[in-house]
C-alpha cells in the first residue's frame, strides 16, 4: 500500500486571520505553492457529518472569490454525478451554477 500526503501551512496575523496559505502535494509535484483560499471537506462516517475548513487570506479579492466559489460549485456537481450517477439532481445543480454565474456576471461571453 502506498501513502501520500497533502499539507497546508497557514500564516496568521495577531487576530488569527490568514495572511498566507501555502500547500504541498508531493505526488502532484506541488511544493509550497501559495494560494489565497482553501475549502476542505472531510466526511466523518461515524458521526455522519461533514467536517470542513474554509480559509481565505484577507487580501483575497471579492471578484476572485466569486470565481473560486463558482468553479468549486461546478466541480462539486461533476463529482456528484461521478459518485452517484444521479443525472436529474446534477442537472438541477448545473442550473444553479449557471444562475450563480449569470447573477455575478462571471460569463465571459
C-alpha atoms as a PDB file:
ATOM      1  CA  UNK A   1       0.000   0.000   0.000  1.00  0.00           C
ATOM      2  CA  UNK A   2       1.292   3.447  -0.921  1.00  0.00           C
ATOM      3  CA  UNK A   3       0.768   6.521   1.244  1.00  0.00           C
ATOM      4  CA  UNK A   4       0.837  10.135   0.192  1.00  0.00           C
ATOM      5  CA  UNK A   5       0.448  13.440   1.935  1.00  0.00           C
ATOM      6  CA  UNK A   6      -1.158  16.794   1.211  1.00  0.00           C
ATOM      7  CA  UNK A   7      -0.250  19.565   3.633  1.00  0.00           C
ATOM      8  CA  UNK A   8      -1.235  23.177   4.287  1.00  0.00           C
ATOM      9  CA  UNK A   9       0.790  25.852   6.057  1.00  0.00           C
ATOM     10  CA  UNK A  10      -1.217  28.827   7.253  1.00  0.00           C
ATOM     11  CA  UNK A  11       0.342  32.079   8.479  1.00  0.00           C
ATOM     12  CA  UNK A  12      -1.997  34.012  10.779  1.00  0.00           C
ATOM     13  CA  UNK A  13      -1.990  37.612  11.966  1.00  0.00           C
ATOM     14  CA  UNK A  14      -2.433  38.550  15.639  1.00  0.00           C
ATOM     15  CA  UNK A  15      -6.226  38.133  15.276  1.00  0.00           C
ATOM     16  CA  UNK A  16      -5.816  34.629  13.791  1.00  0.00           C
ATOM     17  CA  UNK A  17      -6.839  35.820  10.301  1.00  0.00           C
ATOM     18  CA  UNK A  18      -4.958  34.019   7.493  1.00  0.00           C
ATOM     19  CA  UNK A  19      -2.314  36.144   5.812  1.00  0.00           C
ATOM     20  CA  UNK A  20      -0.674  33.404   3.758  1.00  0.00           C
ATOM     21  CA  UNK A  21      -1.729  29.924   2.703  1.00  0.00           C
ATOM     22  CA  UNK A  22       0.778  27.530   1.171  1.00  0.00           C
ATOM     23  CA  UNK A  23       0.205  23.914   0.249  1.00  0.00           C
ATOM     24  CA  UNK A  24       2.193  20.917  -0.918  1.00  0.00           C
ATOM     25  CA  UNK A  25       1.255  17.655  -2.609  1.00  0.00           C
ATOM     26  CA  UNK A  26       4.329  15.619  -3.392  1.00  0.00           C
ATOM     27  CA  UNK A  27       2.598  13.175  -5.747  1.00  0.00           C
ATOM     28  CA  UNK A  28       1.243  16.124  -7.709  1.00  0.00           C
ATOM     29  CA  UNK A  29       4.617  17.834  -7.923  1.00  0.00           C
ATOM     30  CA  UNK A  30       3.399  20.766  -5.835  1.00  0.00           C
ATOM     31  CA  UNK A  31       5.727  22.118  -3.187  1.00  0.00           C
ATOM     32  CA  UNK A  32       4.934  25.120  -1.020  1.00  0.00           C
ATOM     33  CA  UNK A  33       2.574  26.724  -3.572  1.00  0.00           C
ATOM     34  CA  UNK A  34       0.832  29.901  -2.456  1.00  0.00           C
ATOM     35  CA  UNK A  35      -2.944  30.101  -2.504  1.00  0.00           C
ATOM     36  CA  UNK A  36      -5.458  32.744  -1.453  1.00  0.00           C
ATOM     37  CA  UNK A  37      -8.219  30.330  -0.360  1.00  0.00           C
ATOM     38  CA  UNK A  38      -8.951  26.713   0.504  1.00  0.00           C
ATOM     39  CA  UNK A  39     -12.166  24.808   1.124  1.00  0.00           C
ATOM     40  CA  UNK A  40     -11.610  21.379   2.625  1.00  0.00           C
ATOM     41  CA  UNK A  41     -14.404  18.933   3.459  1.00  0.00           C
ATOM     42  CA  UNK A  42     -13.940  15.606   5.207  1.00  0.00           C
ATOM     43  CA  UNK A  43     -16.687  13.035   5.771  1.00  0.00           C
ATOM     44  CA  UNK A  44     -16.905  11.634   9.312  1.00  0.00           C
ATOM     45  CA  UNK A  45     -18.672   8.337   8.603  1.00  0.00           C
ATOM     46  CA  UNK A  46     -19.187   7.547  12.278  1.00  0.00           C
ATOM     47  CA  UNK A  47     -20.900  10.855  13.120  1.00  0.00           C
ATOM     48  CA  UNK A  48     -22.487  11.007   9.641  1.00  0.00           C
ATOM     49  CA  UNK A  49     -21.448  14.628   9.182  1.00  0.00           C
ATOM     50  CA  UNK A  50     -19.143  16.811   7.159  1.00  0.00           C
ATOM     51  CA  UNK A  51     -16.176  18.429   8.850  1.00  0.00           C
ATOM     52  CA  UNK A  52     -14.879  21.438   6.988  1.00  0.00           C
ATOM     53  CA  UNK A  53     -12.235  24.083   6.921  1.00  0.00           C
ATOM     54  CA  UNK A  54     -12.873  27.233   4.885  1.00  0.00           C
ATOM     55  CA  UNK A  55      -9.976  29.679   4.870  1.00  0.00           C
ATOM     56  CA  UNK A  56      -9.093  32.670   2.743  1.00  0.00           C
ATOM     57  CA  UNK A  57      -6.489  35.370   3.098  1.00  0.00           C
ATOM     58  CA  UNK A  58      -7.531  38.884   3.956  1.00  0.00           C
ATOM     59  CA  UNK A  59      -6.214  40.081   0.596  1.00  0.00           C
ATOM     60  CA  UNK A  60      -8.356  37.641  -1.447  1.00  0.00           C
ATOM     61  CA  UNK A  61     -10.237  39.890  -3.907  1.00  0.00           C
ATOM     62  CA  UNK A  62     -14.040  39.531  -3.976  1.00  0.00           C
ATOM     63  CA  UNK A  63     -14.097  39.051  -7.766  1.00  0.00           C
ATOM     64  CA  UNK A  64     -11.667  36.123  -7.414  1.00  0.00           C
ATOM     65  CA  UNK A  65     -13.717  34.707  -4.518  1.00  0.00           C
ATOM     66  CA  UNK A  66     -16.797  34.766  -6.777  1.00  0.00           C
ATOM     67  CA  UNK A  67     -14.934  32.789  -9.447  1.00  0.00           C
ATOM     68  CA  UNK A  68     -13.494  30.418  -6.820  1.00  0.00           C
ATOM     69  CA  UNK A  69     -16.978  29.684  -5.470  1.00  0.00           C
ATOM     70  CA  UNK A  70     -18.406  29.168  -8.955  1.00  0.00           C
ATOM     71  CA  UNK A  71     -15.636  26.813 -10.035  1.00  0.00           C
ATOM     72  CA  UNK A  72     -15.972  24.910  -6.751  1.00  0.00           C
ATOM     73  CA  UNK A  73     -19.730  24.504  -7.257  1.00  0.00           C
ATOM     74  CA  UNK A  74     -19.240  23.288 -10.850  1.00  0.00           C
ATOM     75  CA  UNK A  75     -16.591  20.835  -9.674  1.00  0.00           C
ATOM     76  CA  UNK A  76     -18.896  19.589  -6.911  1.00  0.00           C
ATOM     77  CA  UNK A  77     -21.675  18.965  -9.422  1.00  0.00           C
ATOM     78  CA  UNK A  78     -19.275  16.963 -11.618  1.00  0.00           C
ATOM     79  CA  UNK A  79     -18.108  14.942  -8.606  1.00  0.00           C
ATOM     80  CA  UNK A  80     -21.715  14.366  -7.521  1.00  0.00           C
ATOM     81  CA  UNK A  81     -22.543  12.912 -10.952  1.00  0.00           C
ATOM     82  CA  UNK A  82     -19.470  10.654 -10.978  1.00  0.00           C
ATOM     83  CA  UNK A  83     -20.131   9.403  -7.442  1.00  0.00           C
ATOM     84  CA  UNK A  84     -23.919   8.955  -7.572  1.00  0.00           C
ATOM     85  CA  UNK A  85     -24.798   8.754 -11.287  1.00  0.00           C
ATOM     86  CA  UNK A  86     -27.797  10.968 -10.425  1.00  0.00           C
ATOM     87  CA  UNK A  87     -28.301  12.912 -13.646  1.00  0.00           C
ATOM     88  CA  UNK A  88     -31.526  14.613 -12.538  1.00  0.00           C
ATOM     89  CA  UNK A  89     -30.025  16.280  -9.454  1.00  0.00           C
ATOM     90  CA  UNK A  90     -26.802  17.044 -11.323  1.00  0.00           C
ATOM     91  CA  UNK A  91     -28.880  18.892 -13.920  1.00  0.00           C
ATOM     92  CA  UNK A  92     -30.514  20.959 -11.183  1.00  0.00           C
ATOM     93  CA  UNK A  93     -27.115  21.634  -9.663  1.00  0.00           C
ATOM     94  CA  UNK A  94     -25.735  22.759 -13.048  1.00  0.00           C
ATOM     95  CA  UNK A  95     -28.742  25.074 -13.490  1.00  0.00           C
ATOM     96  CA  UNK A  96     -27.897  26.692 -10.168  1.00  0.00           C
ATOM     97  CA  UNK A  97     -24.243  27.052 -11.246  1.00  0.00           C
ATOM     98  CA  UNK A  98     -25.417  28.826 -14.418  1.00  0.00           C
ATOM     99  CA  UNK A  99     -27.709  31.068 -12.346  1.00  0.00           C
ATOM    100  CA  UNK A 100     -24.856  31.836  -9.939  1.00  0.00           C
ATOM    101  CA  UNK A 101     -22.500  32.771 -12.790  1.00  0.00           C
ATOM    102  CA  UNK A 102     -25.113  34.881 -14.565  1.00  0.00           C
ATOM    103  CA  UNK A 103     -26.039  36.863 -11.452  1.00  0.00           C
ATOM    104  CA  UNK A 104     -22.402  37.558 -10.622  1.00  0.00           C
ATOM    105  CA  UNK A 105     -21.594  38.391 -14.263  1.00  0.00           C
ATOM    106  CA  UNK A 106     -18.992  35.622 -14.451  1.00  0.00           C
ATOM    107  CA  UNK A 107     -19.838  34.565 -18.010  1.00  0.00           C
ATOM    108  CA  UNK A 108     -17.100  35.630 -20.373  1.00  0.00           C
ATOM    109  CA  UNK A 109     -19.348  35.648 -23.465  1.00  0.00           C
END
